[in-house]
């Protein structure tokens, strides 16, 4: 008879992944794939910079930041 570790070692990666996913599904979970921007790409960095610069003199941005500062609960922050 296989010990738990020996059994795991005897399974292929595909079999172990399949078993793990079956356990998760039995627990009521389902897989979800999420695509996010690649923050390492130069185009992402340029877009962030451009969007930030577009807000520099925006009166709505100043109003929003003032509201956040007023509403923020920073008690106990270092």
PDB file of N, CA and C in Angstrom:
ATOM      1  N   UNK A   1       0.839  -1.179   0.000  1.00  0.00           N
ATOM      2  CA  UNK A   1       0.000   0.000   0.000  1.00  0.00           C
ATOM      3  C   UNK A   1       0.880   1.237   0.000  1.00  0.00           C
ATOM      4  N   UNK A   2       0.450   2.266  -0.725  1.00  0.00           N
ATOM      5  CA  UNK A   2       1.205   3.504  -0.833  1.00  0.00           C
ATOM      6  C   UNK A   2       0.961   4.395   0.366  1.00  0.00           C
ATOM      7  N   UNK A   3       1.997   5.014   0.833  1.00  0.00           N
ATOM      8  CA  UNK A   3       1.875   6.087   1.813  1.00  0.00           C
ATOM      9  C   UNK A   3       1.391   7.310   1.044  1.00  0.00           C
ATOM     10  N   UNK A   4       0.751   8.276   1.687  1.00  0.00           N
ATOM     11  CA  UNK A   4       0.212   9.450   1.006  1.00  0.00           C
ATOM     12  C   UNK A   4       1.221  10.131   0.105  1.00  0.00           C
ATOM     13  N   UNK A   5       2.435  10.313   0.586  1.00  0.00           N
ATOM     14  CA  UNK A   5       3.467  10.982  -0.202  1.00  0.00           C
ATOM     15  C   UNK A   5       3.871  10.122  -1.389  1.00  0.00           C
ATOM     16  N   UNK A   6       4.005   8.813  -1.174  1.00  0.00           N
ATOM     17  CA  UNK A   6       4.375   7.910  -2.252  1.00  0.00           C
ATOM     18  C   UNK A   6       3.300   7.888  -3.331  1.00  0.00           C
ATOM     19  N   UNK A   7       2.030   7.931  -2.917  1.00  0.00           N
ATOM     20  CA  UNK A   7       0.933   7.950  -3.873  1.00  0.00           C
ATOM     21  C   UNK A   7       0.987   9.226  -4.695  1.00  0.00           C
ATOM     22  N   UNK A   8       1.210  10.351  -4.015  1.00  0.00           N
ATOM     23  CA  UNK A   8       1.297  11.629  -4.720  1.00  0.00           C
ATOM     24  C   UNK A   8       2.454  11.611  -5.704  1.00  0.00           C
ATOM     25  N   UNK A   9       3.557  11.001  -5.331  1.00  0.00           N
ATOM     26  CA  UNK A   9       4.718  10.940  -6.201  1.00  0.00           C
ATOM     27  C   UNK A   9       4.453  10.031  -7.407  1.00  0.00           C
ATOM     28  N   UNK A  10       3.569   9.031  -7.247  1.00  0.00           N
ATOM     29  CA  UNK A  10       3.314   8.097  -8.338  1.00  0.00           C
ATOM     30  C   UNK A  10       2.359   8.678  -9.378  1.00  0.00           C
ATOM     31  N   UNK A  11       1.642   9.743  -9.036  1.00  0.00           N
ATOM     32  CA  UNK A  11       0.723  10.380  -9.967  1.00  0.00           C
ATOM     33  C   UNK A  11       1.471  11.375 -10.850  1.00  0.00           C
ATOM     34  N   UNK A  12       0.998  11.513 -12.067  1.00  0.00           N
ATOM     35  CA  UNK A  12       1.576  12.530 -12.939  1.00  0.00           C
ATOM     36  C   UNK A  12       1.091  13.897 -12.476  1.00  0.00           C
ATOM     37  N   UNK A  13       1.747  14.930 -12.937  1.00  0.00           N
ATOM     38  CA  UNK A  13       1.340  16.289 -12.593  1.00  0.00           C
ATOM     39  C   UNK A  13      -0.108  16.518 -13.013  1.00  0.00           C
ATOM     40  N   UNK A  14      -0.450  16.062 -14.198  1.00  0.00           N
ATOM     41  CA  UNK A  14      -1.821  16.224 -14.701  1.00  0.00           C
ATOM     42  C   UNK A  14      -2.829  15.550 -13.775  1.00  0.00           C
ATOM     43  N   UNK A  15      -2.495  14.360 -13.309  1.00  0.00           N
ATOM     44  CA  UNK A  15      -3.402  13.644 -12.411  1.00  0.00           C
ATOM     45  C   UNK A  15      -3.540  14.363 -11.066  1.00  0.00           C
ATOM     46  N   UNK A  16      -2.422  14.873 -10.544  1.00  0.00           N
ATOM     47  CA  UNK A  16      -2.477  15.596  -9.263  1.00  0.00           C
ATOM     48  C   UNK A  16      -3.304  16.869  -9.389  1.00  0.00           C
ATOM     49  N   UNK A  17      -3.112  17.600 -10.488  1.00  0.00           N
ATOM     50  CA  UNK A  17      -3.879  18.829 -10.709  1.00  0.00           C
ATOM     51  C   UNK A  17      -5.358  18.490 -10.850  1.00  0.00           C
ATOM     52  N   UNK A  18      -5.671  17.466 -11.608  1.00  0.00           N
ATOM     53  CA  UNK A  18      -7.070  17.056 -11.786  1.00  0.00           C
ATOM     54  C   UNK A  18      -7.698  16.709 -10.431  1.00  0.00           C
ATOM     55  N   UNK A  19      -6.980  15.945  -9.620  1.00  0.00           N
ATOM     56  CA  UNK A  19      -7.499  15.556  -8.297  1.00  0.00           C
ATOM     57  C   UNK A  19      -7.708  16.785  -7.429  1.00  0.00           C
ATOM     58  N   UNK A  20      -6.759  17.701  -7.432  1.00  0.00           N
ATOM     59  CA  UNK A  20      -6.876  18.925  -6.633  1.00  0.00           C
ATOM     60  C   UNK A  20      -8.097  19.735  -7.071  1.00  0.00           C
ATOM     61  N   UNK A  21      -8.302  19.848  -8.377  1.00  0.00           N
ATOM     62  CA  UNK A  21      -9.456  20.592  -8.897  1.00  0.00           C
ATOM     63  C   UNK A  21     -10.766  19.900  -8.537  1.00  0.00           C
ATOM     64  N   UNK A  22     -10.779  18.590  -8.552  1.00  0.00           N
ATOM     65  CA  UNK A  22     -11.991  17.852  -8.169  1.00  0.00           C
ATOM     66  C   UNK A  22     -12.349  18.130  -6.709  1.00  0.00           C
ATOM     67  N   UNK A  23     -11.329  18.193  -5.853  1.00  0.00           N
ATOM     68  CA  UNK A  23     -11.558  18.501  -4.438  1.00  0.00           C
ATOM     69  C   UNK A  23     -12.134  19.908  -4.291  1.00  0.00           C
ATOM     70  N   UNK A  24     -11.580  20.851  -5.020  1.00  0.00           N
ATOM     71  CA  UNK A  24     -12.079  22.227  -4.956  1.00  0.00           C
ATOM     72  C   UNK A  24     -13.519  22.315  -5.469  1.00  0.00           C
ATOM     73  N   UNK A  25     -13.801  21.644  -6.571  1.00  0.00           N
ATOM     74  CA  UNK A  25     -15.179  21.656  -7.113  1.00  0.00           C
ATOM     75  C   UNK A  25     -16.149  21.018  -6.121  1.00  0.00           C
ATOM     76  N   UNK A  26     -15.717  19.930  -5.469  1.00  0.00           N
ATOM     77  CA  UNK A  26     -16.566  19.271  -4.473  1.00  0.00           C
ATOM     78  C   UNK A  26     -16.865  20.202  -3.302  1.00  0.00           C
ATOM     79  N   UNK A  27     -15.960  21.151  -3.073  1.00  0.00           N
ATOM     80  CA  UNK A  27     -16.159  22.135  -2.002  1.00  0.00           C
ATOM     81  C   UNK A  27     -17.029  23.298  -2.468  1.00  0.00           C
ATOM     82  N   UNK A  28     -17.525  23.218  -3.712  1.00  0.00           N
ATOM     83  CA  UNK A  28     -18.409  24.256  -4.217  1.00  0.00           C
ATOM     84  C   UNK A  28     -17.708  25.402  -4.921  1.00  0.00           C
ATOM     85  N   UNK A  29     -16.443  25.220  -5.265  1.00  0.00           N
ATOM     86  CA  UNK A  29     -15.689  26.269  -5.936  1.00  0.00           C
ATOM     87  C   UNK A  29     -15.600  25.989  -7.427  1.00  0.00           C
ATOM     88  N   UNK A  30     -15.347  27.032  -8.203  1.00  0.00           N
ATOM     89  CA  UNK A  30     -15.144  26.853  -9.638  1.00  0.00           C
ATOM     90  C   UNK A  30     -13.963  27.705 -10.073  1.00  0.00           C
ATOM     91  N   UNK A  31     -13.255  27.256 -11.113  1.00  0.00           N
ATOM     92  CA  UNK A  31     -12.098  28.023 -11.572  1.00  0.00           C
ATOM     93  C   UNK A  31     -12.532  29.277 -12.323  1.00  0.00           C
ATOM     94  N   UNK A  32     -11.758  30.332 -12.148  1.00  0.00           N
ATOM     95  CA  UNK A  32     -12.007  31.584 -12.847  1.00  0.00           C
ATOM     96  C   UNK A  32     -10.667  32.088 -13.367  1.00  0.00           C
ATOM     97  N   UNK A  33     -10.652  32.528 -14.609  1.00  0.00           N
ATOM     98  CA  UNK A  33      -9.430  33.074 -15.186  1.00  0.00           C
ATOM     99  C   UNK A  33      -9.580  34.586 -15.290  1.00  0.00           C
ATOM    100  N   UNK A  34      -8.611  35.304 -14.784  1.00  0.00           N
ATOM    101  CA  UNK A  34      -8.650  36.768 -14.802  1.00  0.00           C
ATOM    102  C   UNK A  34      -7.409  37.273 -15.531  1.00  0.00           C
ATOM    103  N   UNK A  35      -7.641  38.141 -16.497  1.00  0.00           N
ATOM    104  CA  UNK A  35      -6.542  38.752 -17.236  1.00  0.00           C
ATOM    105  C   UNK A  35      -6.342  40.160 -16.711  1.00  0.00           C
ATOM    106  N   UNK A  36      -5.129  40.480 -16.351  1.00  0.00           N
ATOM    107  CA  UNK A  36      -4.780  41.789 -15.809  1.00  0.00           C
ATOM    108  C   UNK A  36      -3.742  42.467 -16.691  1.00  0.00           C
ATOM    109  N   UNK A  37      -3.692  43.788 -16.652  1.00  0.00           N
ATOM    110  CA  UNK A  37      -2.646  44.474 -17.409  1.00  0.00           C
ATOM    111  C   UNK A  37      -1.256  44.051 -16.915  1.00  0.00           C
ATOM    112  N   UNK A  38      -0.329  43.963 -17.830  1.00  0.00           N
ATOM    113  CA  UNK A  38       1.056  43.641 -17.488  1.00  0.00           C
ATOM    114  C   UNK A  38       1.727  44.932 -17.030  1.00  0.00           C
ATOM    115  N   UNK A  39       1.894  45.075 -15.728  1.00  0.00           N
ATOM    116  CA  UNK A  39       2.431  46.315 -15.162  1.00  0.00           C
ATOM    117  C   UNK A  39       3.907  46.518 -15.475  1.00  0.00           C
ATOM    118  N   UNK A  40       4.555  45.517 -16.048  1.00  0.00           N
ATOM    119  CA  UNK A  40       5.967  45.645 -16.411  1.00  0.00           C
ATOM    120  C   UNK A  40       6.153  46.233 -17.811  1.00  0.00           C
ATOM    121  N   UNK A  41       5.085  46.293 -18.585  1.00  0.00           N
ATOM    122  CA  UNK A  41       5.194  46.820 -19.953  1.00  0.00           C
ATOM    123  C   UNK A  41       5.341  48.338 -19.925  1.00  0.00           C
ATOM    124  N   UNK A  42       6.169  48.832 -20.797  1.00  0.00           N
ATOM    125  CA  UNK A  42       6.405  50.268 -20.879  1.00  0.00           C
ATOM    126  C   UNK A  42       5.108  51.012 -21.228  1.00  0.00           C
ATOM    127  N   UNK A  43       4.279  50.423 -22.083  1.00  0.00           N
ATOM    128  CA  UNK A  43       3.024  51.074 -22.467  1.00  0.00           C
ATOM    129  C   UNK A  43       2.097  51.258 -21.265  1.00  0.00           C
ATOM    130  N   UNK A  44       2.117  50.312 -20.329  1.00  0.00           N
ATOM    131  CA  UNK A  44       1.305  50.447 -19.112  1.00  0.00           C
ATOM    132  C   UNK A  44       1.819  51.609 -18.264  1.00  0.00           C
ATOM    133  N   UNK A  45       3.131  51.671 -18.101  1.00  0.00           N
ATOM    134  CA  UNK A  45       3.734  52.750 -17.306  1.00  0.00           C
ATOM    135  C   UNK A  45       3.451  54.115 -17.925  1.00  0.00           C
ATOM    136  N   UNK A  46       3.542  54.195 -19.240  1.00  0.00           N
ATOM    137  CA  UNK A  46       3.279  55.471 -19.926  1.00  0.00           C
ATOM    138  C   UNK A  46       1.826  55.889 -19.766  1.00  0.00           C
ATOM    139  N   UNK A  47       0.914  54.927 -19.848  1.00  0.00           N
ATOM    140  CA  UNK A  47      -0.505  55.263 -19.693  1.00  0.00           C
ATOM    141  C   UNK A  47      -0.801  55.735 -18.271  1.00  0.00           C
ATOM    142  N   UNK A  48      -0.222  55.090 -17.265  1.00  0.00           N
ATOM    143  CA  UNK A  48      -0.409  55.527 -15.877  1.00  0.00           C
ATOM    144  C   UNK A  48       0.083  56.955 -15.693  1.00  0.00           C
ATOM    145  N   UNK A  49       1.261  57.229 -16.224  1.00  0.00           N
ATOM    146  CA  UNK A  49       1.827  58.565 -16.109  1.00  0.00           C
ATOM    147  C   UNK A  49       0.937  59.589 -16.801  1.00  0.00           C
ATOM    148  N   UNK A  50       0.470  59.268 -18.005  1.00  0.00           N
ATOM    149  CA  UNK A  50      -0.382  60.167 -18.765  1.00  0.00           C
ATOM    150  C   UNK A  50      -1.691  60.453 -18.026  1.00  0.00           C
ATOM    151  N   UNK A  51      -2.302  59.407 -17.472  1.00  0.00           N
ATOM    152  CA  UNK A  51      -3.563  59.596 -16.756  1.00  0.00           C
ATOM    153  C   UNK A  51      -3.362  60.409 -15.480  1.00  0.00           C
ATOM    154  N   UNK A  52      -2.266  60.189 -14.796  1.00  0.00           N
ATOM    155  CA  UNK A  52      -1.971  60.972 -13.590  1.00  0.00           C
ATOM    156  C   UNK A  52      -1.760  62.443 -13.939  1.00  0.00           C
ATOM    157  N   UNK A  53      -0.991  62.685 -14.986  1.00  0.00           N
ATOM    158  CA  UNK A  53      -0.736  64.063 -15.387  1.00  0.00           C
ATOM    159  C   UNK A  53      -2.009  64.777 -15.840  1.00  0.00           C
ATOM    160  N   UNK A  54      -2.958  64.034 -16.404  1.00  0.00           N
ATOM    161  CA  UNK A  54      -4.200  64.653 -16.859  1.00  0.00           C
ATOM    162  C   UNK A  54      -5.059  65.137 -15.689  1.00  0.00           C
ATOM    163  N   UNK A  55      -4.766  64.677 -14.480  1.00  0.00           N
ATOM    164  CA  UNK A  55      -5.557  65.043 -13.304  1.00  0.00           C
ATOM    165  C   UNK A  55      -4.937  66.173 -12.484  1.00  0.00           C
ATOM    166  N   UNK A  56      -3.751  66.617 -12.858  1.00  0.00           N
ATOM    167  CA  UNK A  56      -3.028  67.607 -12.060  1.00  0.00           C
ATOM    168  C   UNK A  56      -3.858  68.853 -11.767  1.00  0.00           C
ATOM    169  N   UNK A  57      -4.458  69.455 -12.760  1.00  0.00           N
ATOM    170  CA  UNK A  57      -5.226  70.690 -12.558  1.00  0.00           C
ATOM    171  C   UNK A  57      -6.733  70.474 -12.643  1.00  0.00           C
ATOM    172  N   UNK A  58      -7.176  69.245 -12.496  1.00  0.00           N
ATOM    173  CA  UNK A  58      -8.604  68.934 -12.592  1.00  0.00           C
ATOM    174  C   UNK A  58      -9.296  69.300 -11.275  1.00  0.00           C
ATOM    175  N   UNK A  59     -10.256  70.230 -11.284  1.00  0.00           N
ATOM    176  CA  UNK A  59     -10.922  70.646 -10.054  1.00  0.00           C
ATOM    177  C   UNK A  59     -11.713  69.509  -9.394  1.00  0.00           C
ATOM    178  N   UNK A  60     -12.257  68.610 -10.189  1.00  0.00           N
ATOM    179  CA  UNK A  60     -12.992  67.476  -9.612  1.00  0.00           C
ATOM    180  C   UNK A  60     -12.044  66.546  -8.859  1.00  0.00           C
ATOM    181  N   UNK A  61     -10.835  66.389  -9.389  1.00  0.00           N
ATOM    182  CA  UNK A  61      -9.843  65.546  -8.717  1.00  0.00           C
ATOM    183  C   UNK A  61      -9.450  66.153  -7.383  1.00  0.00           C
ATOM    184  N   UNK A  62      -9.229  67.455  -7.351  1.00  0.00           N
ATOM    185  CA  UNK A  62      -8.880  68.139  -6.094  1.00  0.00           C
ATOM    186  C   UNK A  62     -10.007  67.984  -5.081  1.00  0.00           C
ATOM    187  N   UNK A  63     -11.250  68.126  -5.541  1.00  0.00           N
ATOM    188  CA  UNK A  63     -12.410  67.978  -4.653  1.00  0.00           C
ATOM    189  C   UNK A  63     -12.503  66.545  -4.117  1.00  0.00           C
ATOM    190  N   UNK A  64     -12.267  65.583  -4.984  1.00  0.00           N
ATOM    191  CA  UNK A  64     -12.323  64.178  -4.572  1.00  0.00           C
ATOM    192  C   UNK A  64     -11.231  63.857  -3.561  1.00  0.00           C
ATOM    193  N   UNK A  65     -10.018  64.322  -3.816  1.00  0.00           N
ATOM    194  CA  UNK A  65      -8.915  64.078  -2.877  1.00  0.00           C
ATOM    195  C   UNK A  65      -9.164  64.736  -1.532  1.00  0.00           C
ATOM    196  N   UNK A  66      -9.756  65.935  -1.542  1.00  0.00           N
ATOM    197  CA  UNK A  66     -10.087  66.611  -0.287  1.00  0.00           C
ATOM    198  C   UNK A  66     -11.120  65.805   0.488  1.00  0.00           C
ATOM    199  N   UNK A  67     -12.116  65.279  -0.217  1.00  0.00           N
ATOM    200  CA  UNK A  67     -13.148  64.476   0.445  1.00  0.00           C
ATOM    201  C   UNK A  67     -12.546  63.202   1.037  1.00  0.00           C
ATOM    202  N   UNK A  68     -11.661  62.547   0.291  1.00  0.00           N
ATOM    203  CA  UNK A  68     -11.014  61.323   0.785  1.00  0.00           C
ATOM    204  C   UNK A  68     -10.210  61.635   2.049  1.00  0.00           C
ATOM    205  N   UNK A  69      -9.462  62.735   2.029  1.00  0.00           N
ATOM    206  CA  UNK A  69      -8.658  63.109   3.201  1.00  0.00           C
ATOM    207  C   UNK A  69      -9.559  63.366   4.406  1.00  0.00           C
ATOM    208  N   UNK A  70     -10.695  63.970   4.176  1.00  0.00           N
ATOM    209  CA  UNK A  70     -11.629  64.275   5.271  1.00  0.00           C
ATOM    210  C   UNK A  70     -12.307  63.004   5.789  1.00  0.00           C
ATOM    211  N   UNK A  71     -12.674  62.112   4.881  1.00  0.00           N
ATOM    212  CA  UNK A  71     -13.430  60.914   5.259  1.00  0.00           C
ATOM    213  C   UNK A  71     -12.541  59.775   5.757  1.00  0.00           C
ATOM    214  N   UNK A  72     -11.269  59.817   5.447  1.00  0.00           N
ATOM    215  CA  UNK A  72     -10.372  58.708   5.795  1.00  0.00           C
ATOM    216  C   UNK A  72     -10.219  58.581   7.298  1.00  0.00           C
ATOM    217  N   UNK A  73     -10.280  57.349   7.751  1.00  0.00           N
ATOM    218  CA  UNK A  73     -10.062  57.054   9.163  1.00  0.00           C
ATOM    219  C   UNK A  73      -8.614  56.600   9.310  1.00  0.00           C
ATOM    220  N   UNK A  74      -7.744  57.525   9.696  1.00  0.00           N
ATOM    221  CA  UNK A  74      -6.324  57.221   9.796  1.00  0.00           C
ATOM    222  C   UNK A  74      -5.847  57.083  11.239  1.00  0.00           C
ATOM    223  N   UNK A  75      -6.786  57.017  12.180  1.00  0.00           N
ATOM    224  CA  UNK A  75      -6.414  56.828  13.583  1.00  0.00           C
ATOM    225  C   UNK A  75      -5.616  55.539  13.757  1.00  0.00           C
ATOM    226  N   UNK A  76      -4.500  55.641  14.418  1.00  0.00           N
ATOM    227  CA  UNK A  76      -3.682  54.473  14.674  1.00  0.00           C
ATOM    228  C   UNK A  76      -2.690  54.146  13.578  1.00  0.00           C
ATOM    229  N   UNK A  77      -2.699  54.901  12.482  1.00  0.00           N
ATOM    230  CA  UNK A  77      -1.742  54.651  11.414  1.00  0.00           C
ATOM    231  C   UNK A  77      -0.376  55.131  11.877  1.00  0.00           C
ATOM    232  N   UNK A  78       0.631  54.481  11.397  1.00  0.00           N
ATOM    233  CA  UNK A  78       1.997  54.866  11.754  1.00  0.00           C
ATOM    234  C   UNK A  78       2.439  55.994  10.856  1.00  0.00           C
TER     235      UNK A  78
END
